[in-house]
Structures are given as structure tokens and as C-alpha cells.
Protein backbone atom coordinates (compact mmCIF):
# COMPACT_ATOMS: atom_id res chain seq x y z
CA UNK A 1 58.01 -32.26 -24.78
CA UNK A 2 56.75 -28.73 -24.85
CA UNK A 3 55.83 -26.98 -21.62
CA UNK A 4 52.67 -24.90 -22.14
CA UNK A 5 52.77 -22.00 -19.83
CA UNK A 6 49.52 -20.95 -18.32
CA UNK A 7 48.83 -17.27 -18.59
CA UNK A 8 49.58 -15.38 -15.44
CA UNK A 9 46.39 -14.11 -13.84
CA UNK A 10 46.30 -11.34 -11.31
CA UNK A 11 44.17 -12.01 -8.30
CA UNK A 12 41.40 -9.47 -8.17
CA UNK A 13 40.72 -8.41 -4.64
CA UNK A 14 37.16 -9.25 -3.67
CA UNK A 15 36.00 -5.99 -2.15
CA UNK A 16 32.76 -5.86 -0.25
CA UNK A 17 31.45 -2.65 1.25
CA UNK A 18 30.35 -2.83 4.85
CA UNK A 19 26.62 -2.82 5.43
CA UNK A 20 24.73 -0.58 7.76
CA UNK A 21 25.61 -0.84 11.41
CA UNK A 22 21.99 -1.01 12.52
CA UNK A 23 19.09 -3.37 12.87
CA UNK A 24 16.74 -3.87 9.93
CA UNK A 25 13.34 -2.27 10.29
CA UNK A 26 11.07 -4.89 11.89
CA UNK A 27 8.69 -6.57 9.42
CA UNK A 28 5.57 -5.24 11.19
CA UNK A 29 6.77 -1.64 10.98
CA UNK A 30 7.76 -2.10 7.35
CA UNK A 31 4.30 -3.49 6.59
CA UNK A 32 2.65 -0.49 8.29
CA UNK A 33 4.78 1.98 6.35
CA UNK A 34 4.11 0.14 3.10
CA UNK A 35 0.36 0.40 3.77
CA UNK A 36 0.75 4.15 4.24
CA UNK A 37 2.69 4.51 1.00
CA UNK A 38 0.10 2.40 -0.83
CA UNK A 39 -2.64 4.66 0.49
CA UNK A 40 -0.70 7.71 -0.68
CA UNK A 41 -0.03 6.22 -4.12
CA UNK A 42 -3.36 7.61 -5.36
CA UNK A 43 -3.62 11.30 -6.33
CA UNK A 44 -7.16 11.63 -4.96
CA UNK A 45 -6.04 10.41 -1.54
CA UNK A 46 -3.05 12.76 -1.60
CA UNK A 47 -5.44 15.63 -2.36
CA UNK A 48 -7.77 14.51 0.44
CA UNK A 49 -4.95 14.37 2.95
CA UNK A 50 -3.76 17.84 1.96
CA UNK A 51 -7.34 19.18 2.17
CA UNK A 52 -7.74 17.78 5.68
CA UNK A 53 -4.33 19.02 6.81
CA UNK A 54 -5.11 22.56 5.68
CA UNK A 55 -8.70 22.75 6.95
CA UNK A 56 -9.14 25.59 9.43
CA UNK A 57 -10.81 23.49 12.09
CA UNK A 58 -8.47 20.52 11.67
CA UNK A 59 -11.41 18.43 10.50
CA UNK A 60 -13.61 18.19 7.45
CA UNK A 61 -17.15 16.92 7.06
CA UNK A 62 -17.75 14.25 4.44
CA UNK A 63 -20.61 16.39 3.13
CA UNK A 64 -18.14 18.98 1.77
CA UNK A 65 -15.48 16.70 0.35
CA UNK A 66 -17.20 15.29 -2.78
CA UNK A 67 -17.85 18.78 -4.15
CA UNK A 68 -14.38 20.02 -3.26
CA UNK A 69 -12.76 17.07 -5.07
CA UNK A 70 -15.29 16.53 -7.83
CA UNK A 71 -16.00 12.92 -6.82
CA UNK A 72 -19.14 11.01 -5.85
CA UNK A 73 -19.98 10.10 -2.26
CA UNK A 74 -19.22 6.38 -2.82
CA UNK A 75 -15.83 7.29 -4.34
CA UNK A 76 -15.10 9.53 -1.37
CA UNK A 77 -16.02 6.75 1.06
CA UNK A 78 -13.69 4.33 -0.76
CA UNK A 79 -10.73 6.71 -0.61
CA UNK A 80 -11.35 7.77 2.99
CA UNK A 81 -11.53 4.12 4.04
CA UNK A 82 -8.08 3.55 2.49
CA UNK A 83 -6.65 6.55 4.38
CA UNK A 84 -8.34 5.41 7.60
CA UNK A 85 -7.16 1.81 7.27
CA UNK A 86 -3.59 3.06 6.72
CA UNK A 87 -3.88 5.00 9.99
CA UNK A 88 -3.57 8.43 8.39
CA UNK A 89 -6.97 9.80 9.42
CA UNK A 90 -9.54 9.39 12.16
CA UNK A 91 -13.28 9.54 11.64
CA UNK A 92 -16.01 10.65 13.97
CA UNK A 93 -19.71 10.28 13.32
CA UNK A 94 -21.63 13.48 14.10
CA UNK A 95 -25.30 13.02 13.40
CA UNK A 96 -25.65 11.66 9.90
CA UNK A 97 -22.23 12.88 8.71
CA UNK A 98 -18.70 11.69 9.30
CA UNK A 99 -15.94 14.15 10.12
CA UNK A 100 -12.36 13.27 9.25
CA UNK A 101 -9.13 14.50 10.84
CA UNK A 102 -5.44 13.88 10.21
CA UNK A 103 -3.55 11.67 12.67
CA UNK A 104 -0.39 13.74 13.23
CA UNK A 105 1.51 10.83 14.82
CA UNK A 106 1.11 8.80 11.61
CA UNK A 107 2.50 11.62 9.52
CA UNK A 108 5.39 11.99 11.96
CA UNK A 109 6.29 8.30 11.43
CA UNK A 110 6.30 8.79 7.67
CA UNK A 111 8.37 11.98 7.95
CA UNK A 112 10.86 10.14 10.15
CA UNK A 113 11.22 7.36 7.61
CA UNK A 114 11.60 9.78 4.70
CA UNK A 115 14.35 11.59 6.62
CA UNK A 116 16.67 8.59 6.26
CA UNK A 117 20.21 9.70 5.40
CA UNK A 118 21.14 9.59 1.75
CA UNK A 119 24.75 8.94 0.84
CA UNK A 120 26.44 11.04 -1.78
CA UNK A 121 27.94 9.23 -4.75
CA UNK A 122 31.45 10.18 -3.54
CA UNK A 123 30.87 8.14 -0.38
CA UNK A 124 30.45 4.85 -2.24
CA UNK A 125 33.13 2.24 -1.67
CA UNK A 126 32.33 -0.09 -4.57
């Protein structure tokens, strides 16, 4: 009777890198940040936000924005509503016009998130 030897296999060590030693971002905060990033995923809204941020008075009247951006009033209203709903701007009715301003605290939240540490490729364990 012939004894068939089984090939010798080396055990490969199952290596798993440790995860982060922190809590996951709560779902509600993640949803809020995702809404902000969705609002900023449109070039017109990015331009609007920059225009508002750089306005001398810290506010801009809706009457000036369509001409500055080359869009119609209904298009402006659509985009400003998206920025407002994402919490990036405030609006104040003055007479027949609406004035928009940046909400600095919302931008600070986004900046804080974007400042997450990035690991260099040499730091990877796997």
C-alpha cells in the first residue's frame, strides 16, 4: 500500500490591522454633512457660495446674483434653496428682495471634517 503524502502547507498568519480608536460619526451628523456635500456638488452653487463669502457687506441681494452668474431668477432660487436647506446660507427678506449670507458655523463644521488626518502609505500595516 502506498502512502500518499499530503503537501506541506505553511500557515499564513491572518493579519488584521487595528481600526480607529474612536467612535463612528453619528448617523445624523453624517447625514447633515452629506447634505452639505450634495449641495456643493454643483458648480453654480460653489460659485454662489464663493460670491457670498467674498461680498463686501457679508450679504448679497438676490437682485444682483442672476446677472453676476448668468442665470435666470428661477434658477437662482433653486440653487439658493439647496444651499439654504443644507444650512450653508441664511436668507432675510428685505422689502421685495431676499438677501443671502453665509453661515460661518456650517463652513466651520465642513472644514473640521475635511481636516481629518490622512495616513501616509508608509503607515499602512496590511
